Amino acid sequence: MDESPRRKRPVHWLPEPTHESPIIFLTCCTKDRRRCLDQASVHLALQEAWTAADHWRVGRYVVMPDHIHLFCAPTANANSLERWIAFWRATATRLLGGGYGQLWQREYWDRQLRREESYAEKWSYVRNNPVRAGLVEKAEDWPFQGEMNPLEWLGRR
């Protein structure tokens, strides 16, 4: 029997004092995992919110019915990841109007990618989520995905 303690809350990314531009893999879920994100209006509101939240750049993303996977990187004048997420979630919720109630789960999951290859590997896995969930037969058929900005790996060689 596994006696190791389980985390109840995720540990969030903190910037390291380097000259690298990190790429963060982020997952945000809806409150109570409510299935409401797979709509064109939500997709558009998220794109608008990410554009307005310009302290971080959103790279590739997939919007699933009850959660979002995205890759992001801070700009030179970035605020904290937590403040950036709070801003774009509030902006998207406001753009959608009052019909959604409390849309987002309080916590989110983030992980800094360590290698250029991990971005490509993680993206391959993420973009196939709609296929594994039985929503489409081919990943490219899922309409709620895209890339807002190309994110370049600037890590140590």
N, C-alpha and C. Protein backbone atom coordinates (compact mmCIF):
# COMPACT_ATOMS: atom_id res chain seq x y z
N MET A 1 0.84 -1.18 0.00
CA MET A 1 0.00 0.00 0.00
C MET A 1 0.88 1.24 0.00
N ASP A 2 0.53 2.21 -0.81
CA ASP A 2 1.30 3.44 -0.93
C ASP A 2 0.99 4.37 0.24
N GLU A 3 2.01 4.68 1.04
CA GLU A 3 1.84 5.54 2.21
C GLU A 3 2.34 6.95 1.96
N SER A 4 2.76 7.26 0.72
CA SER A 4 3.30 8.58 0.45
C SER A 4 2.19 9.63 0.50
N PRO A 5 2.50 10.82 1.02
CA PRO A 5 1.48 11.86 1.09
C PRO A 5 1.11 12.36 -0.30
N ARG A 6 -0.13 12.69 -0.49
CA ARG A 6 -0.61 13.21 -1.77
C ARG A 6 -0.82 14.71 -1.63
N ARG A 7 -0.40 15.45 -2.66
CA ARG A 7 -0.62 16.89 -2.64
C ARG A 7 -2.08 17.17 -2.90
N LYS A 8 -2.63 18.09 -2.15
CA LYS A 8 -4.01 18.51 -2.37
C LYS A 8 -4.08 19.72 -3.28
N ARG A 9 -2.98 20.44 -3.37
CA ARG A 9 -2.90 21.61 -4.23
C ARG A 9 -1.62 21.53 -5.06
N PRO A 10 -1.67 22.03 -6.28
CA PRO A 10 -0.48 21.97 -7.11
C PRO A 10 0.60 22.94 -6.62
N VAL A 11 1.84 22.60 -6.87
CA VAL A 11 2.95 23.51 -6.64
C VAL A 11 3.13 24.30 -7.92
N HIS A 12 3.16 25.62 -7.83
CA HIS A 12 3.20 26.46 -9.03
C HIS A 12 4.61 26.90 -9.38
N TRP A 13 4.79 27.19 -10.66
CA TRP A 13 6.06 27.60 -11.21
C TRP A 13 6.48 28.94 -10.62
N LEU A 14 7.74 29.02 -10.26
CA LEU A 14 8.34 30.28 -9.82
C LEU A 14 9.51 30.55 -10.74
N PRO A 15 9.67 31.79 -11.18
CA PRO A 15 10.77 32.07 -12.12
C PRO A 15 12.13 31.80 -11.48
N GLU A 16 13.02 31.27 -12.29
CA GLU A 16 14.38 31.04 -11.86
C GLU A 16 15.24 32.18 -12.38
N PRO A 17 16.27 32.59 -11.64
CA PRO A 17 17.10 33.72 -12.08
C PRO A 17 18.05 33.30 -13.21
N THR A 18 17.53 33.21 -14.42
CA THR A 18 18.34 32.86 -15.59
C THR A 18 17.98 33.81 -16.71
N HIS A 19 18.67 33.65 -17.82
CA HIS A 19 18.38 34.45 -18.99
C HIS A 19 17.54 33.67 -19.99
N GLU A 20 17.00 32.55 -19.56
CA GLU A 20 16.17 31.72 -20.42
C GLU A 20 14.76 32.28 -20.49
N SER A 21 14.09 31.99 -21.56
CA SER A 21 12.67 32.27 -21.66
C SER A 21 11.95 30.94 -21.50
N PRO A 22 11.39 30.68 -20.33
CA PRO A 22 10.79 29.36 -20.10
C PRO A 22 9.49 29.19 -20.88
N ILE A 23 9.18 27.95 -21.18
CA ILE A 23 7.87 27.60 -21.72
C ILE A 23 7.17 26.81 -20.62
N ILE A 24 5.97 27.26 -20.28
CA ILE A 24 5.19 26.65 -19.22
C ILE A 24 4.02 25.89 -19.85
N PHE A 25 3.81 24.67 -19.40
CA PHE A 25 2.64 23.88 -19.79
C PHE A 25 1.61 24.08 -18.71
N LEU A 26 0.42 24.54 -19.08
CA LEU A 26 -0.61 24.95 -18.13
C LEU A 26 -1.91 24.20 -18.41
N THR A 27 -2.58 23.77 -17.36
CA THR A 27 -3.91 23.17 -17.46
C THR A 27 -4.84 23.89 -16.50
N CYS A 28 -5.96 24.39 -17.02
CA CYS A 28 -7.00 25.04 -16.22
C CYS A 28 -8.32 24.31 -16.46
N CYS A 29 -9.02 24.01 -15.38
CA CYS A 29 -10.29 23.27 -15.46
C CYS A 29 -11.47 24.16 -15.08
N THR A 30 -12.63 23.78 -15.56
CA THR A 30 -13.85 24.47 -15.16
C THR A 30 -14.24 24.02 -13.76
N LYS A 31 -15.01 24.86 -13.09
CA LYS A 31 -15.50 24.51 -11.75
C LYS A 31 -16.37 23.26 -11.86
N ASP A 32 -16.12 22.31 -11.00
CA ASP A 32 -16.83 21.03 -10.96
C ASP A 32 -16.75 20.28 -12.29
N ARG A 33 -15.71 20.60 -13.08
CA ARG A 33 -15.46 19.97 -14.39
C ARG A 33 -16.69 20.04 -15.29
N ARG A 34 -17.40 21.17 -15.20
CA ARG A 34 -18.58 21.40 -16.05
C ARG A 34 -18.16 21.46 -17.51
N ARG A 35 -18.87 20.76 -18.36
CA ARG A 35 -18.56 20.66 -19.78
C ARG A 35 -19.24 21.81 -20.53
N CYS A 36 -18.50 22.89 -20.73
CA CYS A 36 -19.10 24.05 -21.38
C CYS A 36 -18.12 24.84 -22.25
N LEU A 37 -16.89 24.40 -22.36
CA LEU A 37 -15.88 25.18 -23.08
C LEU A 37 -15.82 24.90 -24.57
N ASP A 38 -16.38 23.79 -25.02
CA ASP A 38 -16.28 23.40 -26.44
C ASP A 38 -17.36 24.07 -27.28
N GLN A 39 -17.26 25.41 -27.32
CA GLN A 39 -18.19 26.23 -28.09
C GLN A 39 -17.39 27.32 -28.80
N ALA A 40 -17.84 27.71 -29.97
CA ALA A 40 -17.14 28.75 -30.73
C ALA A 40 -17.07 30.06 -29.95
N SER A 41 -18.14 30.42 -29.24
CA SER A 41 -18.14 31.68 -28.49
C SER A 41 -17.10 31.66 -27.37
N VAL A 42 -16.92 30.53 -26.72
CA VAL A 42 -15.92 30.40 -25.66
C VAL A 42 -14.52 30.46 -26.26
N HIS A 43 -14.32 29.77 -27.36
CA HIS A 43 -13.03 29.76 -28.04
C HIS A 43 -12.63 31.19 -28.41
N LEU A 44 -13.55 31.94 -28.98
CA LEU A 44 -13.29 33.33 -29.36
C LEU A 44 -13.00 34.19 -28.12
N ALA A 45 -13.77 34.02 -27.05
CA ALA A 45 -13.55 34.80 -25.82
C ALA A 45 -12.17 34.50 -25.23
N LEU A 46 -11.76 33.25 -25.26
CA LEU A 46 -10.43 32.90 -24.76
C LEU A 46 -9.33 33.55 -25.60
N GLN A 47 -9.47 33.50 -26.91
CA GLN A 47 -8.48 34.14 -27.78
C GLN A 47 -8.40 35.64 -27.51
N GLU A 48 -9.54 36.29 -27.32
CA GLU A 48 -9.55 37.72 -27.01
C GLU A 48 -8.91 37.99 -25.65
N ALA A 49 -9.21 37.15 -24.67
CA ALA A 49 -8.65 37.33 -23.33
C ALA A 49 -7.14 37.13 -23.35
N TRP A 50 -6.65 36.13 -24.08
CA TRP A 50 -5.21 35.89 -24.16
C TRP A 50 -4.51 37.03 -24.88
N THR A 51 -5.16 37.63 -25.86
CA THR A 51 -4.58 38.77 -26.55
C THR A 51 -4.48 39.97 -25.61
N ALA A 52 -5.52 40.20 -24.82
CA ALA A 52 -5.53 41.31 -23.87
C ALA A 52 -4.53 41.09 -22.73
N ALA A 53 -4.30 39.85 -22.36
CA ALA A 53 -3.39 39.51 -21.26
C ALA A 53 -1.98 39.39 -21.83
N ASP A 54 -1.43 40.50 -22.29
CA ASP A 54 -0.21 40.47 -23.09
C ASP A 54 1.10 40.42 -22.31
N HIS A 55 1.06 40.20 -21.00
CA HIS A 55 2.31 40.04 -20.26
C HIS A 55 2.90 38.64 -20.43
N TRP A 56 2.08 37.74 -20.92
CA TRP A 56 2.53 36.39 -21.26
C TRP A 56 2.05 36.10 -22.67
N ARG A 57 2.78 35.28 -23.39
CA ARG A 57 2.37 34.87 -24.75
C ARG A 57 1.83 33.45 -24.70
N VAL A 58 0.69 33.25 -25.31
CA VAL A 58 0.12 31.91 -25.43
C VAL A 58 0.62 31.31 -26.73
N GLY A 59 1.15 30.10 -26.65
CA GLY A 59 1.58 29.38 -27.83
C GLY A 59 0.46 28.46 -28.30
N ARG A 60 0.73 27.19 -28.38
CA ARG A 60 -0.27 26.21 -28.81
C ARG A 60 -1.22 25.92 -27.65
N TYR A 61 -2.45 25.58 -28.02
CA TYR A 61 -3.47 25.29 -27.00
C TYR A 61 -4.53 24.36 -27.55
N VAL A 62 -5.21 23.66 -26.63
CA VAL A 62 -6.38 22.85 -26.95
C VAL A 62 -7.42 23.15 -25.88
N VAL A 63 -8.62 23.50 -26.32
CA VAL A 63 -9.74 23.74 -25.41
C VAL A 63 -10.63 22.50 -25.46
N MET A 64 -10.68 21.79 -24.35
CA MET A 64 -11.53 20.61 -24.22
C MET A 64 -12.86 21.04 -23.59
N PRO A 65 -13.85 20.16 -23.52
CA PRO A 65 -15.14 20.56 -22.95
C PRO A 65 -15.05 21.08 -21.51
N ASP A 66 -14.15 20.53 -20.69
CA ASP A 66 -14.09 20.93 -19.28
C ASP A 66 -12.72 21.40 -18.82
N HIS A 67 -11.76 21.55 -19.72
CA HIS A 67 -10.45 22.07 -19.34
C HIS A 67 -9.71 22.59 -20.56
N ILE A 68 -8.64 23.32 -20.27
CA ILE A 68 -7.79 23.90 -21.31
C ILE A 68 -6.35 23.46 -21.04
N HIS A 69 -5.67 23.07 -22.10
CA HIS A 69 -4.22 22.86 -22.05
C HIS A 69 -3.61 23.94 -22.92
N LEU A 70 -2.59 24.61 -22.39
CA LEU A 70 -1.90 25.60 -23.22
C LEU A 70 -0.45 25.70 -22.81
N PHE A 71 0.34 26.21 -23.75
CA PHE A 71 1.74 26.49 -23.51
C PHE A 71 1.88 28.00 -23.52
N CYS A 72 2.65 28.53 -22.58
CA CYS A 72 2.81 29.97 -22.49
C CYS A 72 4.23 30.32 -22.09
N ALA A 73 4.60 31.57 -22.34
CA ALA A 73 5.93 32.06 -21.97
C ALA A 73 5.81 33.52 -21.56
N PRO A 74 6.57 33.92 -20.55
CA PRO A 74 6.50 35.31 -20.09
C PRO A 74 7.17 36.27 -21.07
N THR A 75 6.67 37.50 -21.12
CA THR A 75 7.34 38.56 -21.85
C THR A 75 8.35 39.20 -20.91
N ALA A 76 9.09 40.18 -21.41
CA ALA A 76 10.11 40.84 -20.59
C ALA A 76 9.49 41.54 -19.37
N ASN A 77 8.26 42.02 -19.50
CA ASN A 77 7.61 42.74 -18.39
C ASN A 77 6.50 41.91 -17.75
N ALA A 78 6.67 40.60 -17.73
CA ALA A 78 5.63 39.69 -17.24
C ALA A 78 5.37 39.88 -15.75
N ASN A 79 4.09 39.77 -15.40
CA ASN A 79 3.71 39.67 -13.99
C ASN A 79 3.73 38.19 -13.62
N SER A 80 3.30 37.85 -12.42
CA SER A 80 3.34 36.46 -12.00
C SER A 80 2.38 35.62 -12.84
N LEU A 81 2.67 34.35 -12.94
CA LEU A 81 1.79 33.42 -13.65
C LEU A 81 0.40 33.45 -13.04
N GLU A 82 0.34 33.46 -11.72
CA GLU A 82 -0.95 33.47 -11.02
C GLU A 82 -1.78 34.71 -11.38
N ARG A 83 -1.17 35.88 -11.40
CA ARG A 83 -1.91 37.11 -11.75
C ARG A 83 -2.34 37.10 -13.21
N TRP A 84 -1.48 36.58 -14.08
CA TRP A 84 -1.82 36.51 -15.50
C TRP A 84 -3.02 35.59 -15.73
N ILE A 85 -3.01 34.43 -15.09
CA ILE A 85 -4.12 33.48 -15.24
C ILE A 85 -5.41 34.11 -14.71
N ALA A 86 -5.34 34.75 -13.54
CA ALA A 86 -6.52 35.40 -12.96
C ALA A 86 -7.07 36.45 -13.92
N PHE A 87 -6.19 37.21 -14.57
CA PHE A 87 -6.63 38.25 -15.50
C PHE A 87 -7.35 37.66 -16.70
N TRP A 88 -6.72 36.68 -17.39
CA TRP A 88 -7.38 36.19 -18.61
C TRP A 88 -8.64 35.38 -18.30
N ARG A 89 -8.67 34.68 -17.16
CA ARG A 89 -9.90 33.96 -16.82
C ARG A 89 -11.04 34.95 -16.53
N ALA A 90 -10.75 36.02 -15.79
CA ALA A 90 -11.78 37.03 -15.51
C ALA A 90 -12.23 37.72 -16.79
N THR A 91 -11.29 38.02 -17.67
CA THR A 91 -11.62 38.67 -18.94
C THR A 91 -12.50 37.77 -19.80
N ALA A 92 -12.13 36.51 -19.93
CA ALA A 92 -12.94 35.57 -20.73
C ALA A 92 -14.33 35.42 -20.15
N THR A 93 -14.43 35.31 -18.83
CA THR A 93 -15.74 35.16 -18.17
C THR A 93 -16.59 36.39 -18.43
N ARG A 94 -16.00 37.58 -18.31
CA ARG A 94 -16.74 38.83 -18.57
C ARG A 94 -17.21 38.89 -20.03
N LEU A 95 -16.35 38.51 -20.96
CA LEU A 95 -16.72 38.53 -22.38
C LEU A 95 -17.87 37.57 -22.68
N LEU A 96 -17.96 36.50 -21.92
CA LEU A 96 -19.02 35.51 -22.15
C LEU A 96 -20.36 35.91 -21.53
N GLY A 97 -20.36 36.91 -20.66
CA GLY A 97 -21.62 37.33 -20.04
C GLY A 97 -21.91 36.52 -18.79
N GLY A 98 -23.07 36.73 -18.22
CA GLY A 98 -23.40 36.14 -16.93
C GLY A 98 -23.95 34.74 -16.94
N GLY A 99 -24.10 34.11 -18.05
CA GLY A 99 -24.74 32.81 -18.10
C GLY A 99 -23.92 31.64 -17.61
N TYR A 100 -22.65 31.86 -17.26
CA TYR A 100 -21.78 30.75 -16.89
C TYR A 100 -21.57 30.62 -15.38
N GLY A 101 -21.96 31.62 -14.61
CA GLY A 101 -21.72 31.56 -13.17
C GLY A 101 -20.23 31.53 -12.90
N GLN A 102 -19.81 30.86 -11.85
CA GLN A 102 -18.38 30.70 -11.58
C GLN A 102 -17.86 29.66 -12.55
N LEU A 103 -17.08 30.11 -13.48
CA LEU A 103 -16.66 29.25 -14.58
C LEU A 103 -15.43 28.40 -14.25
N TRP A 104 -14.48 28.93 -13.48
CA TRP A 104 -13.19 28.30 -13.34
C TRP A 104 -12.96 27.67 -11.97
N GLN A 105 -12.29 26.56 -11.98
CA GLN A 105 -11.78 25.95 -10.75
C GLN A 105 -10.66 26.86 -10.22
N ARG A 106 -10.58 26.99 -8.92
CA ARG A 106 -9.61 27.92 -8.33
C ARG A 106 -8.18 27.56 -8.71
N GLU A 107 -7.82 26.32 -8.57
CA GLU A 107 -6.45 25.90 -8.84
C GLU A 107 -6.22 25.62 -10.32
N TYR A 108 -4.96 25.54 -10.67
CA TYR A 108 -4.53 25.19 -12.02
C TYR A 108 -3.23 24.40 -11.87
N TRP A 109 -2.83 23.75 -12.94
CA TRP A 109 -1.61 22.94 -12.92
C TRP A 109 -0.63 23.52 -13.94
N ASP A 110 0.61 23.69 -13.53
CA ASP A 110 1.62 24.23 -14.43
C ASP A 110 2.93 23.47 -14.26
N ARG A 111 3.68 23.43 -15.33
CA ARG A 111 4.97 22.75 -15.31
C ARG A 111 5.89 23.42 -16.32
N GLN A 112 7.09 23.76 -15.89
CA GLN A 112 8.07 24.33 -16.82
C GLN A 112 8.68 23.21 -17.65
N LEU A 113 8.69 23.39 -18.95
CA LEU A 113 9.32 22.41 -19.82
C LEU A 113 10.83 22.57 -19.73
N ARG A 114 11.54 21.49 -19.78
CA ARG A 114 12.99 21.51 -19.57
C ARG A 114 13.80 21.42 -20.86
N ARG A 115 13.20 20.95 -21.92
CA ARG A 115 13.93 20.76 -23.17
C ARG A 115 13.03 21.13 -24.34
N GLU A 116 13.64 21.52 -25.43
CA GLU A 116 12.91 21.83 -26.65
C GLU A 116 12.07 20.63 -27.08
N GLU A 117 12.63 19.44 -26.95
CA GLU A 117 11.92 18.23 -27.36
C GLU A 117 10.66 18.02 -26.52
N SER A 118 10.69 18.44 -25.26
CA SER A 118 9.52 18.21 -24.42
C SER A 118 8.33 19.04 -24.89
N TYR A 119 8.56 20.20 -25.50
CA TYR A 119 7.46 21.00 -26.06
C TYR A 119 6.79 20.21 -27.19
N ALA A 120 7.58 19.69 -28.11
CA ALA A 120 7.03 18.92 -29.23
C ALA A 120 6.33 17.65 -28.74
N GLU A 121 6.95 16.95 -27.80
CA GLU A 121 6.34 15.72 -27.27
C GLU A 121 5.04 16.02 -26.55
N LYS A 122 5.04 17.03 -25.71
CA LYS A 122 3.85 17.39 -24.94
C LYS A 122 2.74 17.85 -25.88
N TRP A 123 3.09 18.64 -26.90
CA TRP A 123 2.09 19.10 -27.86
C TRP A 123 1.48 17.92 -28.60
N SER A 124 2.27 16.96 -29.00
CA SER A 124 1.75 15.78 -29.69
C SER A 124 0.72 15.07 -28.81
N TYR A 125 1.03 14.94 -27.53
CA TYR A 125 0.10 14.29 -26.61
C TYR A 125 -1.17 15.13 -26.42
N VAL A 126 -1.00 16.42 -26.18
CA VAL A 126 -2.14 17.32 -25.91
C VAL A 126 -3.07 17.42 -27.11
N ARG A 127 -2.53 17.57 -28.29
CA ARG A 127 -3.40 17.76 -29.46
C ARG A 127 -4.22 16.52 -29.79
N ASN A 128 -3.82 15.38 -29.23
CA ASN A 128 -4.60 14.15 -29.42
C ASN A 128 -5.63 13.90 -28.33
N ASN A 129 -5.74 14.79 -27.35
CA ASN A 129 -6.76 14.65 -26.30
C ASN A 129 -8.18 14.50 -26.86
N PRO A 130 -8.58 15.30 -27.84
CA PRO A 130 -9.94 15.14 -28.37
C PRO A 130 -10.17 13.77 -29.02
N VAL A 131 -9.13 13.19 -29.59
CA VAL A 131 -9.23 11.86 -30.19
C VAL A 131 -9.41 10.82 -29.09
N ARG A 132 -8.56 10.89 -28.06
CA ARG A 132 -8.66 9.93 -26.95
C ARG A 132 -10.00 10.05 -26.23
N ALA A 133 -10.58 11.25 -26.21
CA ALA A 133 -11.88 11.45 -25.55
C ALA A 133 -13.05 11.06 -26.45
N GLY A 134 -12.78 10.64 -27.68
CA GLY A 134 -13.84 10.22 -28.59
C GLY A 134 -14.62 11.38 -29.20
N LEU A 135 -14.05 12.57 -29.20
CA LEU A 135 -14.75 13.75 -29.73
C LEU A 135 -14.56 13.91 -31.23
N VAL A 136 -13.44 13.44 -31.76
CA VAL A 136 -13.13 13.48 -33.19
C VAL A 136 -12.30 12.24 -33.53
N GLU A 137 -12.21 11.95 -34.81
CA GLU A 137 -11.39 10.81 -35.22
C GLU A 137 -9.94 11.20 -35.46
N LYS A 138 -9.72 12.45 -35.91
CA LYS A 138 -8.37 12.94 -36.16
C LYS A 138 -8.18 14.25 -35.40
N ALA A 139 -7.00 14.44 -34.82
CA ALA A 139 -6.72 15.63 -34.01
C ALA A 139 -6.97 16.92 -34.77
N GLU A 140 -6.61 16.94 -36.03
CA GLU A 140 -6.76 18.17 -36.81
C GLU A 140 -8.23 18.55 -37.04
N ASP A 141 -9.17 17.64 -36.77
CA ASP A 141 -10.60 17.95 -36.93
C ASP A 141 -11.19 18.68 -35.73
N TRP A 142 -10.47 18.74 -34.60
CA TRP A 142 -11.00 19.42 -33.41
C TRP A 142 -10.93 20.93 -33.64
N PRO A 143 -12.07 21.62 -33.61
CA PRO A 143 -12.07 23.05 -33.96
C PRO A 143 -11.56 23.98 -32.86
N PHE A 144 -11.40 23.50 -31.63
CA PHE A 144 -11.08 24.37 -30.51
C PHE A 144 -9.61 24.22 -30.10
N GLN A 145 -8.73 24.52 -31.03
CA GLN A 145 -7.30 24.44 -30.82
C GLN A 145 -6.62 25.45 -31.72
N GLY A 146 -5.38 25.71 -31.45
CA GLY A 146 -4.65 26.64 -32.29
C GLY A 146 -3.31 27.02 -31.71
N GLU A 147 -2.77 28.10 -32.26
CA GLU A 147 -1.51 28.66 -31.78
C GLU A 147 -1.62 30.17 -31.89
N MET A 148 -1.51 30.85 -30.76
CA MET A 148 -1.58 32.31 -30.75
C MET A 148 -0.24 32.93 -31.13
N ASN A 149 0.86 32.40 -30.60
CA ASN A 149 2.21 32.91 -30.86
C ASN A 149 3.17 31.72 -30.95
N PRO A 150 4.11 31.77 -31.88
CA PRO A 150 5.13 30.73 -31.86
C PRO A 150 6.02 30.95 -30.64
N LEU A 151 6.24 29.91 -29.86
CA LEU A 151 7.11 29.99 -28.70
C LEU A 151 8.42 29.31 -29.03
N GLU A 152 9.50 30.05 -28.91
CA GLU A 152 10.81 29.51 -29.23
C GLU A 152 11.51 29.05 -27.96
N TRP A 153 12.19 27.94 -28.08
CA TRP A 153 12.97 27.43 -26.96
C TRP A 153 14.28 28.20 -26.91
N LEU A 154 14.52 28.86 -25.78
CA LEU A 154 15.75 29.63 -25.62
C LEU A 154 16.57 29.10 -24.44
N GLY A 155 16.43 27.84 -24.17
CA GLY A 155 17.13 27.23 -23.03
C GLY A 155 18.61 27.04 -23.30
N ARG A 156 19.29 26.59 -22.31
CA ARG A 156 20.72 26.32 -22.43
C ARG A 156 20.95 25.14 -23.37
N ARG A 157 21.97 25.21 -24.11
CA ARG A 157 22.31 24.14 -25.07
C ARG A 157 23.33 23.20 -24.47
